[in-house]
Amino acid sequence: MRVYQTIPRRGGFQNFETFCGAPGLCEKCNKIVLTNFLDPNAKCPDCGGRFKYYNDKSLQSASKTNEHVFTWNTKSGEFILPNTTYWCANYCKFSLKFENSAIGINSIAS
């Protein structure tokens, strides 16, 4: 079974200094969530739990390339999603991939 979800890209010319929507994994409800990377107090919008952003190395398998699926430069630093597989809580393995699209970041798990 393949699970496919589009995570809308957020942050643009009008709010790039205050908002950078980035995908993360909630440690409480195990959902992929989109929260503000620039907000140090951001919580899971579904359950209020803590989460890790997918730019965290512990959620990434070893990358075999220097290619990036997504990069966002912020005053807090860069948010980078390398072209690799990521931890999928549904399948309990590194099977999640991100793809860049015109409307957002696609997440695909199998």
Protein backbone atom coordinates (compact mmCIF):
# COMPACT_ATOMS: atom_id res chain seq x y z
CA MET A 1 0.00 0.00 0.00
CA ARG A 2 1.22 3.48 -0.87
CA VAL A 3 0.26 6.52 1.20
CA TYR A 4 0.45 9.86 -0.60
CA GLN A 5 -0.07 13.29 0.95
CA THR A 6 0.65 16.83 -0.25
CA ILE A 7 1.95 19.17 2.41
CA PRO A 8 1.32 22.73 1.23
CA ARG A 9 4.36 24.97 1.20
CA ARG A 10 3.85 27.93 3.44
CA GLY A 11 5.81 31.10 3.74
CA GLY A 12 6.27 33.59 0.99
CA PHE A 13 7.15 37.13 0.18
CA GLN A 14 4.69 38.67 2.67
CA ASN A 15 5.51 36.53 5.72
CA PHE A 16 8.91 34.91 5.07
CA GLU A 17 10.41 36.52 8.18
CA THR A 18 7.74 35.16 10.54
CA PHE A 19 6.53 31.88 8.99
CA CYS A 20 8.18 28.86 7.41
CA GLY A 21 5.83 25.88 7.17
CA ALA A 22 7.87 22.72 7.57
CA PRO A 23 6.96 19.03 7.97
CA GLY A 24 7.62 17.22 11.21
CA LEU A 25 6.69 13.99 13.00
CA CYS A 26 4.63 14.30 16.18
CA GLU A 27 6.14 12.19 18.96
CA LYS A 28 2.76 11.78 20.64
CA CYS A 29 0.25 10.99 17.86
CA ASN A 30 2.82 9.88 15.19
CA LYS A 31 1.29 12.10 12.50
CA ILE A 32 3.14 14.13 9.91
CA VAL A 33 2.34 17.73 10.76
CA LEU A 34 3.08 21.11 9.22
CA THR A 35 4.17 23.75 11.72
CA ASN A 36 6.07 27.02 11.79
CA PHE A 37 9.81 26.29 11.78
CA LEU A 38 10.43 29.84 13.03
CA ASP A 39 8.27 29.41 16.16
CA PRO A 40 10.37 27.91 18.98
CA ASN A 41 7.15 27.05 20.88
CA ALA A 42 5.36 25.29 18.01
CA LYS A 43 3.38 22.18 18.95
CA CYS A 44 1.47 19.53 17.03
CA PRO A 45 -1.71 21.18 15.72
CA ASP A 46 -3.66 17.94 16.24
CA CYS A 47 -2.74 16.87 19.78
CA GLY A 48 -0.47 19.60 21.17
CA GLY A 49 2.44 17.17 21.48
CA ARG A 50 6.12 17.69 20.83
CA PHE A 51 7.54 16.83 17.43
CA LYS A 52 10.74 16.66 15.43
CA TYR A 53 11.13 18.36 12.09
CA TYR A 54 12.13 16.08 9.26
CA ASN A 55 15.40 17.99 8.87
CA ASP A 56 16.48 16.20 12.07
CA LYS A 57 19.15 13.61 11.16
CA SER A 58 17.54 10.99 13.45
CA LEU A 59 14.51 10.89 11.09
CA GLN A 60 16.67 10.48 7.96
CA SER A 61 18.47 7.49 6.49
CA ALA A 62 22.01 8.08 5.27
CA SER A 63 21.85 10.18 2.13
CA LYS A 64 23.67 8.83 -0.91
CA THR A 65 23.57 12.17 -2.73
CA ASN A 66 24.01 15.88 -2.07
CA GLU A 67 20.69 16.67 -3.73
CA HIS A 68 17.96 18.39 -1.74
CA VAL A 69 14.22 18.03 -2.18
CA PHE A 70 13.48 21.26 -0.33
CA THR A 71 15.51 24.11 1.15
CA TRP A 72 14.36 27.21 2.92
CA ASN A 73 16.74 29.92 4.17
CA THR A 74 15.59 31.60 7.37
CA LYS A 75 17.14 33.91 9.92
CA SER A 76 17.17 30.87 12.25
CA GLY A 77 19.20 28.87 9.73
CA GLU A 78 18.43 26.64 6.77
CA PHE A 79 15.66 24.07 6.70
CA ILE A 80 16.87 21.32 4.35
CA LEU A 81 15.22 18.07 3.32
CA PRO A 82 17.85 15.91 1.58
CA ASN A 83 16.86 13.48 -1.17
CA THR A 84 16.75 10.37 1.03
CA THR A 85 14.23 8.18 2.88
CA TYR A 86 12.74 9.27 6.18
CA TRP A 87 11.26 7.52 9.21
CA CYS A 88 7.62 6.53 8.61
CA ALA A 89 5.68 5.97 11.83
CA ASN A 90 2.92 4.08 9.94
CA TYR A 91 5.32 1.42 8.64
CA CYS A 92 7.96 1.66 11.40
CA LYS A 93 10.80 1.91 8.89
CA PHE A 94 12.68 4.40 6.74
CA SER A 95 10.26 4.32 3.80
CA LEU A 96 8.96 7.89 3.60
CA LYS A 97 10.07 10.07 0.66
CA PHE A 98 9.51 13.75 0.03
CA GLU A 99 9.14 15.24 -3.45
CA ASN A 100 8.99 18.89 -4.37
CA SER A 101 5.93 19.94 -6.38
CA ALA A 102 4.42 23.18 -7.62
CA ILE A 103 1.94 23.40 -4.73
CA GLY A 104 3.91 21.88 -1.91
CA ILE A 105 5.97 18.96 -0.70
CA ASN A 106 4.58 15.51 -1.48
CA SER A 107 5.12 12.78 1.09
CA ILE A 108 5.00 9.21 -0.16
CA ALA A 109 5.26 6.13 2.07
CA SER A 110 5.24 2.51 1.03
